[in-house]
Amino acid sequence: MLSPYKGKTGLRRLINACGYSISGLRAAYRLEDAFRQEVALAAVMIPAALLLPVAATGRALLLASVFLVLIVELLNSAIEAAVDRISLDNHELAKVAKDIGSAAVMLSLACMTTVWIVVLVG
């Protein structure tokens, strides 16, 4: 076993994993302004995707693109937290890591915008 924290299996592992995931979502919502803004955006766009008169494939693309933004923002926030845990000093590699995470969020937002335009306009 590589980690002493990886001992749980079966249902106990699943329950623990769900708890950790909920804790992560709460922390992101509480601590990250960008995540709160994207959740607000998702709160509008997800119902819109479900109500718009589009084919099932288009609906799936609309929904997936919104969830992609949330997922990438969570990963970006995790990168930022890990970098800040190591050191709050200005360091070129820390800046690179944070900038790349930010770029990933920007691309996911561009992807979502493109998907919505293509699905809605044709």
PDB file of N, CA and C in Angstrom:
ATOM      1  N   MET A   1       0.845  -1.173   0.000  1.00  0.00           N
ATOM      2  CA  MET A   1       0.000   0.000   0.000  1.00  0.00           C
ATOM      3  C   MET A   1       0.896   1.245   0.000  1.00  0.00           C
ATOM      4  N   LEU A   2       0.643   2.170  -0.904  1.00  0.00           N
ATOM      5  CA  LEU A   2       1.462   3.368  -1.036  1.00  0.00           C
ATOM      6  C   LEU A   2       1.141   4.429   0.012  1.00  0.00           C
ATOM      7  N   SER A   3      -0.088   4.481   0.474  1.00  0.00           N
ATOM      8  CA  SER A   3      -0.498   5.511   1.413  1.00  0.00           C
ATOM      9  C   SER A   3      -1.271   4.886   2.569  1.00  0.00           C
ATOM     10  N   PRO A   4      -0.988   5.283   3.783  1.00  0.00           N
ATOM     11  CA  PRO A   4      -1.741   4.757   4.923  1.00  0.00           C
ATOM     12  C   PRO A   4      -3.180   5.261   4.949  1.00  0.00           C
ATOM     13  N   TYR A   5      -3.490   6.258   4.128  1.00  0.00           N
ATOM     14  CA  TYR A   5      -4.830   6.821   4.091  1.00  0.00           C
ATOM     15  C   TYR A   5      -5.730   6.133   3.069  1.00  0.00           C
ATOM     16  N   LYS A   6      -5.216   5.169   2.367  1.00  0.00           N
ATOM     17  CA  LYS A   6      -5.956   4.502   1.294  1.00  0.00           C
ATOM     18  C   LYS A   6      -6.439   3.116   1.713  1.00  0.00           C
ATOM     19  N   GLY A   7      -6.816   2.910   2.970  1.00  0.00           N
ATOM     20  CA  GLY A   7      -7.145   1.586   3.456  1.00  0.00           C
ATOM     21  C   GLY A   7      -8.595   1.171   3.304  1.00  0.00           C
ATOM     22  N   LYS A   8      -9.491   2.101   3.056  1.00  0.00           N
ATOM     23  CA  LYS A   8     -10.916   1.775   3.004  1.00  0.00           C
ATOM     24  C   LYS A   8     -11.291   1.214   1.638  1.00  0.00           C
ATOM     25  N   THR A   9     -12.226   0.269   1.650  1.00  0.00           N
ATOM     26  CA  THR A   9     -12.720  -0.309   0.398  1.00  0.00           C
ATOM     27  C   THR A   9     -14.238  -0.422   0.476  1.00  0.00           C
ATOM     28  N   GLY A  10     -14.838  -0.755  -0.638  1.00  0.00           N
ATOM     29  CA  GLY A  10     -16.268  -1.028  -0.691  1.00  0.00           C
ATOM     30  C   GLY A  10     -17.125   0.171  -0.363  1.00  0.00           C
ATOM     31  N   LEU A  11     -18.212  -0.086   0.337  1.00  0.00           N
ATOM     32  CA  LEU A  11     -19.200   0.943   0.653  1.00  0.00           C
ATOM     33  C   LEU A  11     -18.595   2.043   1.524  1.00  0.00           C
ATOM     34  N   ARG A  12     -17.740   1.693   2.476  1.00  0.00           N
ATOM     35  CA  ARG A  12     -17.103   2.684   3.348  1.00  0.00           C
ATOM     36  C   ARG A  12     -16.288   3.673   2.519  1.00  0.00           C
ATOM     37  N   ARG A  13     -15.546   3.197   1.518  1.00  0.00           N
ATOM     38  CA  ARG A  13     -14.768   4.070   0.649  1.00  0.00           C
ATOM     39  C   ARG A  13     -15.677   5.008  -0.114  1.00  0.00           C
ATOM     40  N   LEU A  14     -16.790   4.485  -0.625  1.00  0.00           N
ATOM     41  CA  LEU A  14     -17.735   5.292  -1.384  1.00  0.00           C
ATOM     42  C   LEU A  14     -18.349   6.382  -0.503  1.00  0.00           C
ATOM     43  N   ILE A  15     -18.726   6.033   0.716  1.00  0.00           N
ATOM     44  CA  ILE A  15     -19.302   7.014   1.637  1.00  0.00           C
ATOM     45  C   ILE A  15     -18.268   8.082   1.974  1.00  0.00           C
ATOM     46  N   ASN A  16     -17.042   7.670   2.271  1.00  0.00           N
ATOM     47  CA  ASN A  16     -15.979   8.636   2.557  1.00  0.00           C
ATOM     48  C   ASN A  16     -15.734   9.551   1.371  1.00  0.00           C
ATOM     49  N   ALA A  17     -15.667   8.981   0.173  1.00  0.00           N
ATOM     50  CA  ALA A  17     -15.415   9.775  -1.034  1.00  0.00           C
ATOM     51  C   ALA A  17     -16.509  10.814  -1.250  1.00  0.00           C
ATOM     52  N   CYS A  18     -17.755  10.438  -1.025  1.00  0.00           N
ATOM     53  CA  CYS A  18     -18.858  11.396  -1.174  1.00  0.00           C
ATOM     54  C   CYS A  18     -18.725  12.528  -0.161  1.00  0.00           C
ATOM     55  N   GLY A  19     -18.356  12.179   1.054  1.00  0.00           N
ATOM     56  CA  GLY A  19     -18.160  13.207   2.077  1.00  0.00           C
ATOM     57  C   GLY A  19     -17.045  14.171   1.717  1.00  0.00           C
ATOM     58  N   TYR A  20     -15.928  13.632   1.218  1.00  0.00           N
ATOM     59  CA  TYR A  20     -14.812  14.489   0.806  1.00  0.00           C
ATOM     60  C   TYR A  20     -15.228  15.394  -0.352  1.00  0.00           C
ATOM     61  N   SER A  21     -15.995  14.853  -1.276  1.00  0.00           N
ATOM     62  CA  SER A  21     -16.452  15.643  -2.424  1.00  0.00           C
ATOM     63  C   SER A  21     -17.368  16.770  -1.989  1.00  0.00           C
ATOM     64  N   ILE A  22     -18.285  16.486  -1.089  1.00  0.00           N
ATOM     65  CA  ILE A  22     -19.192  17.524  -0.587  1.00  0.00           C
ATOM     66  C   ILE A  22     -18.398  18.591   0.160  1.00  0.00           C
ATOM     67  N   SER A  23     -17.414  18.172   0.952  1.00  0.00           N
ATOM     68  CA  SER A  23     -16.550  19.135   1.649  1.00  0.00           C
ATOM     69  C   SER A  23     -15.802  20.015   0.654  1.00  0.00           C
ATOM     70  N   GLY A  24     -15.330  19.428  -0.427  1.00  0.00           N
ATOM     71  CA  GLY A  24     -14.628  20.188  -1.455  1.00  0.00           C
ATOM     72  C   GLY A  24     -15.526  21.199  -2.133  1.00  0.00           C
ATOM     73  N   LEU A  25     -16.752  20.794  -2.447  1.00  0.00           N
ATOM     74  CA  LEU A  25     -17.696  21.728  -3.067  1.00  0.00           C
ATOM     75  C   LEU A  25     -18.023  22.879  -2.121  1.00  0.00           C
ATOM     76  N   ARG A  26     -18.227  22.555  -0.841  1.00  0.00           N
ATOM     77  CA  ARG A  26     -18.513  23.607   0.144  1.00  0.00           C
ATOM     78  C   ARG A  26     -17.340  24.569   0.276  1.00  0.00           C
ATOM     79  N   ALA A  27     -16.129  24.030   0.347  1.00  0.00           N
ATOM     80  CA  ALA A  27     -14.942  24.880   0.480  1.00  0.00           C
ATOM     81  C   ALA A  27     -14.789  25.778  -0.739  1.00  0.00           C
ATOM     82  N   ALA A  28     -14.971  25.225  -1.924  1.00  0.00           N
ATOM     83  CA  ALA A  28     -14.846  26.030  -3.145  1.00  0.00           C
ATOM     84  C   ALA A  28     -15.894  27.137  -3.157  1.00  0.00           C
ATOM     85  N   TYR A  29     -17.118  26.811  -2.777  1.00  0.00           N
ATOM     86  CA  TYR A  29     -18.177  27.809  -2.780  1.00  0.00           C
ATOM     87  C   TYR A  29     -17.902  28.896  -1.739  1.00  0.00           C
ATOM     88  N   ARG A  30     -17.420  28.496  -0.582  1.00  0.00           N
ATOM     89  CA  ARG A  30     -17.160  29.440   0.501  1.00  0.00           C
ATOM     90  C   ARG A  30     -15.939  30.326   0.228  1.00  0.00           C
ATOM     91  N   LEU A  31     -14.911  29.760  -0.382  1.00  0.00           N
ATOM     92  CA  LEU A  31     -13.622  30.445  -0.480  1.00  0.00           C
ATOM     93  C   LEU A  31     -13.310  31.053  -1.848  1.00  0.00           C
ATOM     94  N   GLU A  32     -13.992  30.618  -2.889  1.00  0.00           N
ATOM     95  CA  GLU A  32     -13.626  31.028  -4.253  1.00  0.00           C
ATOM     96  C   GLU A  32     -14.728  31.858  -4.910  1.00  0.00           C
ATOM     97  N   ASP A  33     -14.451  33.160  -5.092  1.00  0.00           N
ATOM     98  CA  ASP A  33     -15.425  34.043  -5.735  1.00  0.00           C
ATOM     99  C   ASP A  33     -15.785  33.558  -7.138  1.00  0.00           C
ATOM    100  N   ALA A  34     -14.772  33.152  -7.903  1.00  0.00           N
ATOM    101  CA  ALA A  34     -15.027  32.716  -9.283  1.00  0.00           C
ATOM    102  C   ALA A  34     -15.950  31.502  -9.302  1.00  0.00           C
ATOM    103  N   PHE A  35     -15.762  30.564  -8.362  1.00  0.00           N
ATOM    104  CA  PHE A  35     -16.631  29.383  -8.330  1.00  0.00           C
ATOM    105  C   PHE A  35     -18.071  29.790  -8.015  1.00  0.00           C
ATOM    106  N   ARG A  36     -18.255  30.721  -7.076  1.00  0.00           N
ATOM    107  CA  ARG A  36     -19.616  31.188  -6.770  1.00  0.00           C
ATOM    108  C   ARG A  36     -20.262  31.834  -7.992  1.00  0.00           C
ATOM    109  N   GLN A  37     -19.483  32.623  -8.735  1.00  0.00           N
ATOM    110  CA  GLN A  37     -20.022  33.256  -9.939  1.00  0.00           C
ATOM    111  C   GLN A  37     -20.412  32.208 -10.976  1.00  0.00           C
ATOM    112  N   GLU A  38     -19.578  31.194 -11.127  1.00  0.00           N
ATOM    113  CA  GLU A  38     -19.875  30.148 -12.115  1.00  0.00           C
ATOM    114  C   GLU A  38     -21.037  29.273 -11.674  1.00  0.00           C
ATOM    115  N   VAL A  39     -21.207  29.080 -10.368  1.00  0.00           N
ATOM    116  CA  VAL A  39     -22.386  28.358  -9.874  1.00  0.00           C
ATOM    117  C   VAL A  39     -23.644  29.172 -10.179  1.00  0.00           C
ATOM    118  N   ALA A  40     -23.586  30.484  -9.988  1.00  0.00           N
ATOM    119  CA  ALA A  40     -24.735  31.339 -10.314  1.00  0.00           C
ATOM    120  C   ALA A  40     -25.063  31.253 -11.805  1.00  0.00           C
ATOM    121  N   LEU A  41     -24.028  31.270 -12.633  1.00  0.00           N
ATOM    122  CA  LEU A  41     -24.221  31.117 -14.074  1.00  0.00           C
ATOM    123  C   LEU A  41     -24.851  29.762 -14.391  1.00  0.00           C
ATOM    124  N   ALA A  42     -24.349  28.712 -13.748  1.00  0.00           N
ATOM    125  CA  ALA A  42     -24.884  27.362 -13.964  1.00  0.00           C
ATOM    126  C   ALA A  42     -26.331  27.268 -13.499  1.00  0.00           C
ATOM    127  N   ALA A  43     -26.679  27.988 -12.431  1.00  0.00           N
ATOM    128  CA  ALA A  43     -28.055  27.956 -11.916  1.00  0.00           C
ATOM    129  C   ALA A  43     -29.053  28.518 -12.932  1.00  0.00           C
ATOM    130  N   VAL A  44     -28.571  29.363 -13.827  1.00  0.00           N
ATOM    131  CA  VAL A  44     -29.416  29.901 -14.898  1.00  0.00           C
ATOM    132  C   VAL A  44     -29.339  29.004 -16.139  1.00  0.00           C
ATOM    133  N   MET A  45     -28.124  28.583 -16.475  1.00  0.00           N
ATOM    134  CA  MET A  45     -27.916  27.879 -17.740  1.00  0.00           C
ATOM    135  C   MET A  45     -28.401  26.427 -17.719  1.00  0.00           C
ATOM    136  N   ILE A  46     -28.304  25.757 -16.601  1.00  0.00           N
ATOM    137  CA  ILE A  46     -28.763  24.362 -16.546  1.00  0.00           C
ATOM    138  C   ILE A  46     -30.273  24.278 -16.757  1.00  0.00           C
ATOM    139  N   PRO A  47     -31.088  25.059 -16.029  1.00  0.00           N
ATOM    140  CA  PRO A  47     -32.528  25.018 -16.336  1.00  0.00           C
ATOM    141  C   PRO A  47     -32.836  25.447 -17.770  1.00  0.00           C
ATOM    142  N   ALA A  48     -32.093  26.433 -18.278  1.00  0.00           N
ATOM    143  CA  ALA A  48     -32.313  26.864 -19.661  1.00  0.00           C
ATOM    144  C   ALA A  48     -32.029  25.719 -20.622  1.00  0.00           C
ATOM    145  N   ALA A  49     -30.939  24.997 -20.386  1.00  0.00           N
ATOM    146  CA  ALA A  49     -30.598  23.864 -21.256  1.00  0.00           C
ATOM    147  C   ALA A  49     -31.678  22.796 -21.216  1.00  0.00           C
ATOM    148  N   LEU A  50     -32.281  22.613 -20.063  1.00  0.00           N
ATOM    149  CA  LEU A  50     -33.331  21.600 -19.927  1.00  0.00           C
ATOM    150  C   LEU A  50     -34.639  22.028 -20.568  1.00  0.00           C
ATOM    151  N   LEU A  51     -34.865  23.335 -20.659  1.00  0.00           N
ATOM    152  CA  LEU A  51     -36.132  23.843 -21.192  1.00  0.00           C
ATOM    153  C   LEU A  51     -36.091  24.221 -22.669  1.00  0.00           C
ATOM    154  N   LEU A  52     -34.905  24.452 -23.205  1.00  0.00           N
ATOM    155  CA  LEU A  52     -34.799  24.859 -24.609  1.00  0.00           C
ATOM    156  C   LEU A  52     -35.242  23.730 -25.539  1.00  0.00           C
ATOM    157  N   PRO A  53     -35.877  24.088 -26.647  1.00  0.00           N
ATOM    158  CA  PRO A  53     -36.336  23.070 -27.604  1.00  0.00           C
ATOM    159  C   PRO A  53     -35.192  22.625 -28.529  1.00  0.00           C
ATOM    160  N   VAL A  54     -34.283  21.819 -27.986  1.00  0.00           N
ATOM    161  CA  VAL A  54     -33.166  21.286 -28.766  1.00  0.00           C
ATOM    162  C   VAL A  54     -33.172  19.769 -28.664  1.00  0.00           C
ATOM    163  N   ALA A  55     -32.490  19.127 -29.608  1.00  0.00           N
ATOM    164  CA  ALA A  55     -32.398  17.666 -29.608  1.00  0.00           C
ATOM    165  C   ALA A  55     -31.638  17.195 -28.366  1.00  0.00           C
ATOM    166  N   ALA A  56     -31.790  15.932 -28.048  1.00  0.00           N
ATOM    167  CA  ALA A  56     -31.155  15.360 -26.862  1.00  0.00           C
ATOM    168  C   ALA A  56     -29.638  15.520 -26.896  1.00  0.00           C
ATOM    169  N   THR A  57     -29.046  15.338 -28.055  1.00  0.00           N
ATOM    170  CA  THR A  57     -27.593  15.498 -28.175  1.00  0.00           C
ATOM    171  C   THR A  57     -27.185  16.941 -27.887  1.00  0.00           C
ATOM    172  N   GLY A  58     -27.915  17.883 -28.421  1.00  0.00           N
ATOM    173  CA  GLY A  58     -27.641  19.297 -28.164  1.00  0.00           C
ATOM    174  C   GLY A  58     -27.807  19.629 -26.695  1.00  0.00           C
ATOM    175  N   ARG A  59     -28.857  19.087 -26.083  1.00  0.00           N
ATOM    176  CA  ARG A  59     -29.092  19.319 -24.653  1.00  0.00           C
ATOM    177  C   ARG A  59     -27.923  18.770 -23.830  1.00  0.00           C
ATOM    178  N   ALA A  60     -27.462  17.584 -24.179  1.00  0.00           N
ATOM    179  CA  ALA A  60     -26.325  16.977 -23.472  1.00  0.00           C
ATOM    180  C   ALA A  60     -25.077  17.840 -23.624  1.00  0.00           C
ATOM    181  N   LEU A  61     -24.845  18.377 -24.808  1.00  0.00           N
ATOM    182  CA  LEU A  61     -23.690  19.248 -25.033  1.00  0.00           C
ATOM    183  C   LEU A  61     -23.797  20.538 -24.221  1.00  0.00           C
ATOM    184  N   LEU A  62     -24.988  21.120 -24.175  1.00  0.00           N
ATOM    185  CA  LEU A  62     -25.188  22.332 -23.392  1.00  0.00           C
ATOM    186  C   LEU A  62     -24.877  22.073 -21.916  1.00  0.00           C
ATOM    187  N   LEU A  63     -25.437  20.998 -21.391  1.00  0.00           N
ATOM    188  CA  LEU A  63     -25.221  20.662 -19.979  1.00  0.00           C
ATOM    189  C   LEU A  63     -23.762  20.321 -19.695  1.00  0.00           C
ATOM    190  N   ALA A  64     -23.164  19.517 -20.554  1.00  0.00           N
ATOM    191  CA  ALA A  64     -21.764  19.111 -20.347  1.00  0.00           C
ATOM    192  C   ALA A  64     -20.833  20.316 -20.369  1.00  0.00           C
ATOM    193  N   SER A  65     -21.106  21.280 -21.248  1.00  0.00           N
ATOM    194  CA  SER A  65     -20.235  22.450 -21.329  1.00  0.00           C
ATOM    195  C   SER A  65     -20.315  23.292 -20.055  1.00  0.00           C
ATOM    196  N   VAL A  66     -21.492  23.358 -19.436  1.00  0.00           N
ATOM    197  CA  VAL A  66     -21.639  24.102 -18.178  1.00  0.00           C
ATOM    198  C   VAL A  66     -20.894  23.372 -17.057  1.00  0.00           C
ATOM    199  N   PHE A  67     -21.080  22.053 -16.984  1.00  0.00           N
ATOM    200  CA  PHE A  67     -20.388  21.284 -15.946  1.00  0.00           C
ATOM    201  C   PHE A  67     -18.877  21.301 -16.144  1.00  0.00           C
ATOM    202  N   LEU A  68     -18.434  21.358 -17.390  1.00  0.00           N
ATOM    203  CA  LEU A  68     -17.000  21.432 -17.665  1.00  0.00           C
ATOM    204  C   LEU A  68     -16.387  22.678 -17.021  1.00  0.00           C
ATOM    205  N   VAL A  69     -17.065  23.801 -17.120  1.00  0.00           N
ATOM    206  CA  VAL A  69     -16.565  25.036 -16.507  1.00  0.00           C
ATOM    207  C   VAL A  69     -16.419  24.860 -15.000  1.00  0.00           C
ATOM    208  N   LEU A  70     -17.414  24.271 -14.357  1.00  0.00           N
ATOM    209  CA  LEU A  70     -17.349  24.058 -12.907  1.00  0.00           C
ATOM    210  C   LEU A  70     -16.210  23.114 -12.536  1.00  0.00           C
ATOM    211  N   ILE A  71     -16.047  22.058 -13.303  1.00  0.00           N
ATOM    212  CA  ILE A  71     -14.988  21.084 -13.037  1.00  0.00           C
ATOM    213  C   ILE A  71     -13.613  21.730 -13.172  1.00  0.00           C
ATOM    214  N   VAL A  72     -13.411  22.465 -14.250  1.00  0.00           N
ATOM    215  CA  VAL A  72     -12.106  23.100 -14.476  1.00  0.00           C
ATOM    216  C   VAL A  72     -11.833  24.151 -13.401  1.00  0.00           C
ATOM    217  N   GLU A  73     -12.848  24.882 -12.983  1.00  0.00           N
ATOM    218  CA  GLU A  73     -12.662  25.862 -11.907  1.00  0.00           C
ATOM    219  C   GLU A  73     -12.268  25.172 -10.602  1.00  0.00           C
ATOM    220  N   LEU A  74     -12.872  24.021 -10.313  1.00  0.00           N
ATOM    221  CA  LEU A  74     -12.490  23.271  -9.115  1.00  0.00           C
ATOM    222  C   LEU A  74     -11.028  22.834  -9.193  1.00  0.00           C
ATOM    223  N   LEU A  75     -10.611  22.344 -10.343  1.00  0.00           N
ATOM    224  CA  LEU A  75      -9.211  21.935 -10.508  1.00  0.00           C
ATOM    225  C   LEU A  75      -8.270  23.124 -10.390  1.00  0.00           C
ATOM    226  N   ASN A  76      -8.654  24.247 -10.964  1.00  0.00           N
ATOM    227  CA  ASN A  76      -7.832  25.455 -10.857  1.00  0.00           C
ATOM    228  C   ASN A  76      -7.708  25.894  -9.397  1.00  0.00           C
ATOM    229  N   SER A  77      -8.805  25.849  -8.678  1.00  0.00           N
ATOM    230  CA  SER A  77      -8.774  26.230  -7.266  1.00  0.00           C
ATOM    231  C   SER A  77      -7.894  25.285  -6.461  1.00  0.00           C
ATOM    232  N   ALA A  78      -7.929  24.000  -6.794  1.00  0.00           N
ATOM    233  CA  ALA A  78      -7.077  23.030  -6.105  1.00  0.00           C
ATOM    234  C   ALA A  78      -5.606  23.312  -6.375  1.00  0.00           C
ATOM    235  N   ILE A  79      -5.277  23.637  -7.621  1.00  0.00           N
ATOM    236  CA  ILE A  79      -3.890  23.993  -7.959  1.00  0.00           C
ATOM    237  C   ILE A  79      -3.457  25.224  -7.169  1.00  0.00           C
ATOM    238  N   GLU A  80      -4.305  26.237  -7.141  1.00  0.00           N
ATOM    239  CA  GLU A  80      -3.961  27.460  -6.416  1.00  0.00           C
ATOM    240  C   GLU A  80      -3.753  27.186  -4.931  1.00  0.00           C
ATOM    241  N   ALA A  81      -4.629  26.369  -4.334  1.00  0.00           N
ATOM    242  CA  ALA A  81      -4.495  26.054  -2.910  1.00  0.00           C
ATOM    243  C   ALA A  81      -3.198  25.292  -2.634  1.00  0.00           C
ATOM    244  N   ALA A  82      -2.869  24.346  -3.498  1.00  0.00           N
ATOM    245  CA  ALA A  82      -1.631  23.574  -3.309  1.00  0.00           C
ATOM    246  C   ALA A  82      -0.403  24.466  -3.448  1.00  0.00           C
ATOM    247  N   VAL A  83      -0.410  25.353  -4.435  1.00  0.00           N
ATOM    248  CA  VAL A  83       0.717  26.268  -4.629  1.00  0.00           C
ATOM    249  C   VAL A  83       0.842  27.198  -3.418  1.00  0.00           C
ATOM    250  N   ASP A  84      -0.283  27.727  -2.944  1.00  0.00           N
ATOM    251  CA  ASP A  84      -0.249  28.626  -1.795  1.00  0.00           C
ATOM    252  C   ASP A  84       0.171  27.891  -0.520  1.00  0.00           C
ATOM    253  N   ARG A  85      -0.140  26.613  -0.416  1.00  0.00           N
ATOM    254  CA  ARG A  85       0.271  25.810   0.746  1.00  0.00           C
ATOM    255  C   ARG A  85       1.788  25.671   0.791  1.00  0.00           C
ATOM    256  N   ILE A  86       2.383  25.544  -0.374  1.00  0.00           N
ATOM    257  CA  ILE A  86       3.839  25.400  -0.436  1.00  0.00           C
ATOM    258  C   ILE A  86       4.517  26.695  -0.011  1.00  0.00           C
ATOM    259  N   SER A  87       4.041  27.822  -0.554  1.00  0.00           N
ATOM    260  CA  SER A  87       4.639  29.108  -0.203  1.00  0.00           C
ATOM    261  C   SER A  87       3.775  30.231  -0.752  1.00  0.00           C
ATOM    262  N   LEU A  88       3.671  31.288   0.042  1.00  0.00           N
ATOM    263  CA  LEU A  88       2.969  32.479  -0.433  1.00  0.00           C
ATOM    264  C   LEU A  88       3.927  33.481  -1.073  1.00  0.00           C
ATOM    265  N   ASP A  89       5.219  33.144  -1.083  1.00  0.00           N
ATOM    266  CA  ASP A  89       6.211  34.003  -1.730  1.00  0.00           C
ATOM    267  C   ASP A  89       5.971  34.030  -3.234  1.00  0.00           C
ATOM    268  N   ASN A  90       6.296  35.165  -3.848  1.00  0.00           N
ATOM    269  CA  ASN A  90       6.228  35.251  -5.300  1.00  0.00           C
ATOM    270  C   ASN A  90       7.332  34.386  -5.892  1.00  0.00           C
ATOM    271  N   HIS A  91       6.932  33.472  -6.747  1.00  0.00           N
ATOM    272  CA  HIS A  91       7.910  32.601  -7.402  1.00  0.00           C
ATOM    273  C   HIS A  91       7.443  32.388  -8.830  1.00  0.00           C
ATOM    274  N   GLU A  92       8.386  32.373  -9.753  1.00  0.00           N
ATOM    275  CA  GLU A  92       8.049  32.256 -11.167  1.00  0.00           C
ATOM    276  C   GLU A  92       7.247  30.991 -11.466  1.00  0.00           C
ATOM    277  N   LEU A  93       7.629  29.854 -10.884  1.00  0.00           N
ATOM    278  CA  LEU A  93       6.918  28.607 -11.154  1.00  0.00           C
ATOM    279  C   LEU A  93       5.505  28.612 -10.543  1.00  0.00           C
ATOM    280  N   ALA A  94       5.352  29.249  -9.385  1.00  0.00           N
ATOM    281  CA  ALA A  94       4.021  29.377  -8.794  1.00  0.00           C
ATOM    282  C   ALA A  94       3.119  30.202  -9.712  1.00  0.00           C
ATOM    283  N   LYS A  95       3.672  31.279 -10.243  1.00  0.00           N
ATOM    284  CA  LYS A  95       2.904  32.114 -11.178  1.00  0.00           C
ATOM    285  C   LYS A  95       2.530  31.325 -12.430  1.00  0.00           C
ATOM    286  N   VAL A  96       3.469  30.557 -12.944  1.00  0.00           N
ATOM    287  CA  VAL A  96       3.192  29.747 -14.140  1.00  0.00           C
ATOM    288  C   VAL A  96       2.060  28.757 -13.855  1.00  0.00           C
ATOM    289  N   ALA A  97       2.125  28.074 -12.724  1.00  0.00           N
ATOM    290  CA  ALA A  97       1.091  27.097 -12.382  1.00  0.00           C
ATOM    291  C   ALA A  97      -0.280  27.766 -12.278  1.00  0.00           C
ATOM    292  N   LYS A  98      -0.330  28.895 -11.596  1.00  0.00           N
ATOM    293  CA  LYS A  98      -1.605  29.602 -11.440  1.00  0.00           C
ATOM    294  C   LYS A  98      -2.107  30.162 -12.766  1.00  0.00           C
ATOM    295  N   ASP A  99      -1.214  30.690 -13.583  1.00  0.00           N
ATOM    296  CA  ASP A  99      -1.613  31.230 -14.885  1.00  0.00           C
ATOM    297  C   ASP A  99      -2.142  30.129 -15.801  1.00  0.00           C
ATOM    298  N   ILE A 100      -1.514  28.968 -15.772  1.00  0.00           N
ATOM    299  CA  ILE A 100      -1.982  27.855 -16.606  1.00  0.00           C
ATOM    300  C   ILE A 100      -3.357  27.389 -16.143  1.00  0.00           C
ATOM    301  N   GLY A 101      -3.559  27.319 -14.834  1.00  0.00           N
ATOM    302  CA  GLY A 101      -4.884  26.967 -14.319  1.00  0.00           C
ATOM    303  C   GLY A 101      -5.931  27.970 -14.752  1.00  0.00           C
ATOM    304  N   SER A 102      -5.579  29.247 -14.681  1.00  0.00           N
ATOM    305  CA  SER A 102      -6.495  30.297 -15.121  1.00  0.00           C
ATOM    306  C   SER A 102      -6.800  30.179 -16.614  1.00  0.00           C
ATOM    307  N   ALA A 103      -5.792  29.866 -17.399  1.00  0.00           N
ATOM    308  CA  ALA A 103      -5.994  29.683 -18.844  1.00  0.00           C
ATOM    309  C   ALA A 103      -6.946  28.525 -19.117  1.00  0.00           C
ATOM    310  N   ALA A 104      -6.846  27.465 -18.325  1.00  0.00           N
ATOM    311  CA  ALA A 104      -7.751  26.323 -18.497  1.00  0.00           C
ATOM    312  C   ALA A 104      -9.196  26.741 -18.239  1.00  0.00           C
ATOM    313  N   VAL A 105      -9.410  27.566 -17.221  1.00  0.00           N
ATOM    314  CA  VAL A 105     -10.766  28.063 -16.938  1.00  0.00           C
ATOM    315  C   VAL A 105     -11.257  28.915 -18.108  1.00  0.00           C
ATOM    316  N   MET A 106     -10.390  29.805 -18.604  1.00  0.00           N
ATOM    317  CA  MET A 106     -10.777  30.662 -19.723  1.00  0.00           C
ATOM    318  C   MET A 106     -11.166  29.830 -20.950  1.00  0.00           C
ATOM    319  N   LEU A 107     -10.375  28.798 -21.242  1.00  0.00           N
ATOM    320  CA  LEU A 107     -10.702  27.944 -22.385  1.00  0.00           C
ATOM    321  C   LEU A 107     -12.005  27.183 -22.175  1.00  0.00           C
ATOM    322  N   SER A 108     -12.275  26.755 -20.947  1.00  0.00           N
ATOM    323  CA  SER A 108     -13.532  26.054 -20.694  1.00  0.00           C
ATOM    324  C   SER A 108     -14.718  26.998 -20.883  1.00  0.00           C
ATOM    325  N   LEU A 109     -14.556  28.260 -20.479  1.00  0.00           N
ATOM    326  CA  LEU A 109     -15.617  29.244 -20.708  1.00  0.00           C
ATOM    327  C   LEU A 109     -15.807  29.517 -22.202  1.00  0.00           C
ATOM    328  N   ALA A 110     -14.705  29.592 -22.946  1.00  0.00           N
ATOM    329  CA  ALA A 110     -14.804  29.769 -24.396  1.00  0.00           C
ATOM    330  C   ALA A 110     -15.472  28.567 -25.044  1.00  0.00           C
ATOM    331  N   CYS A 111     -15.144  27.381 -24.565  1.00  0.00           N
ATOM    332  CA  CYS A 111     -15.758  26.155 -25.077  1.00  0.00           C
ATOM    333  C   CYS A 111     -17.265  26.179 -24.818  1.00  0.00           C
ATOM    334  N   MET A 112     -17.654  26.535 -23.600  1.00  0.00           N
ATOM    335  CA  MET A 112     -19.079  26.592 -23.265  1.00  0.00           C
ATOM    336  C   MET A 112     -19.807  27.593 -24.160  1.00  0.00           C
ATOM    337  N   THR A 113     -19.215  28.760 -24.336  1.00  0.00           N
ATOM    338  CA  THR A 113     -19.832  29.782 -25.184  1.00  0.00           C
ATOM    339  C   THR A 113     -19.994  29.279 -26.613  1.00  0.00           C
ATOM    340  N   THR A 114     -18.960  28.645 -27.120  1.00  0.00           N
ATOM    341  CA  THR A 114     -19.005  28.116 -28.490  1.00  0.00           C
ATOM    342  C   THR A 114     -20.074  27.044 -28.630  1.00  0.00           C
ATOM    343  N   VAL A 115     -20.135  26.139 -27.673  1.00  0.00           N
ATOM    344  CA  VAL A 115     -21.130  25.063 -27.728  1.00  0.00           C
ATOM    345  C   VAL A 115     -22.541  25.659 -27.711  1.00  0.00           C
ATOM    346  N   TRP A 116     -22.784  26.616 -26.829  1.00  0.00           N
ATOM    347  CA  TRP A 116     -24.125  27.216 -26.764  1.00  0.00           C
ATOM    348  C   TRP A 116     -24.473  27.928 -28.076  1.00  0.00           C
ATOM    349  N   ILE A 117     -23.521  28.634 -28.674  1.00  0.00           N
ATOM    350  CA  ILE A 117     -23.794  29.317 -29.937  1.00  0.00           C
ATOM    351  C   ILE A 117     -24.087  28.308 -31.039  1.00  0.00           C
ATOM    352  N   VAL A 118     -23.265  27.269 -31.136  1.00  0.00           N
ATOM    353  CA  VAL A 118     -23.436  26.267 -32.199  1.00  0.00           C
ATOM    354  C   VAL A 118     -24.760  25.549 -32.042  1.00  0.00           C
ATOM    355  N   VAL A 119     -25.101  25.154 -30.820  1.00  0.00           N
ATOM    356  CA  VAL A 119     -26.351  24.412 -30.604  1.00  0.00           C
ATOM    357  C   VAL A 119     -27.573  25.305 -30.838  1.00  0.00           C
ATOM    358  N   LEU A 120     -27.514  26.541 -30.375  1.00  0.00           N
ATOM    359  CA  LEU A 120     -28.702  27.408 -30.473  1.00  0.00           C
ATOM    360  C   LEU A 120     -28.856  28.064 -31.832  1.00  0.00           C
ATOM    361  N   VAL A 121     -27.740  28.389 -32.479  1.00  0.00           N
ATOM    362  CA  VAL A 121     -27.821  29.082 -33.766  1.00  0.00           C
ATOM    363  C   VAL A 121     -27.778  28.076 -34.915  1.00  0.00           C
ATOM    364  N   GLY A 122     -27.044  27.002 -34.682  1.00  0.00           N
ATOM    365  CA  GLY A 122     -26.970  25.977 -35.714  1.00  0.00           C
ATOM    366  C   GLY A 122     -25.732  26.109 -36.464  1.00  0.00           C
TER     367      GLY A 122
END
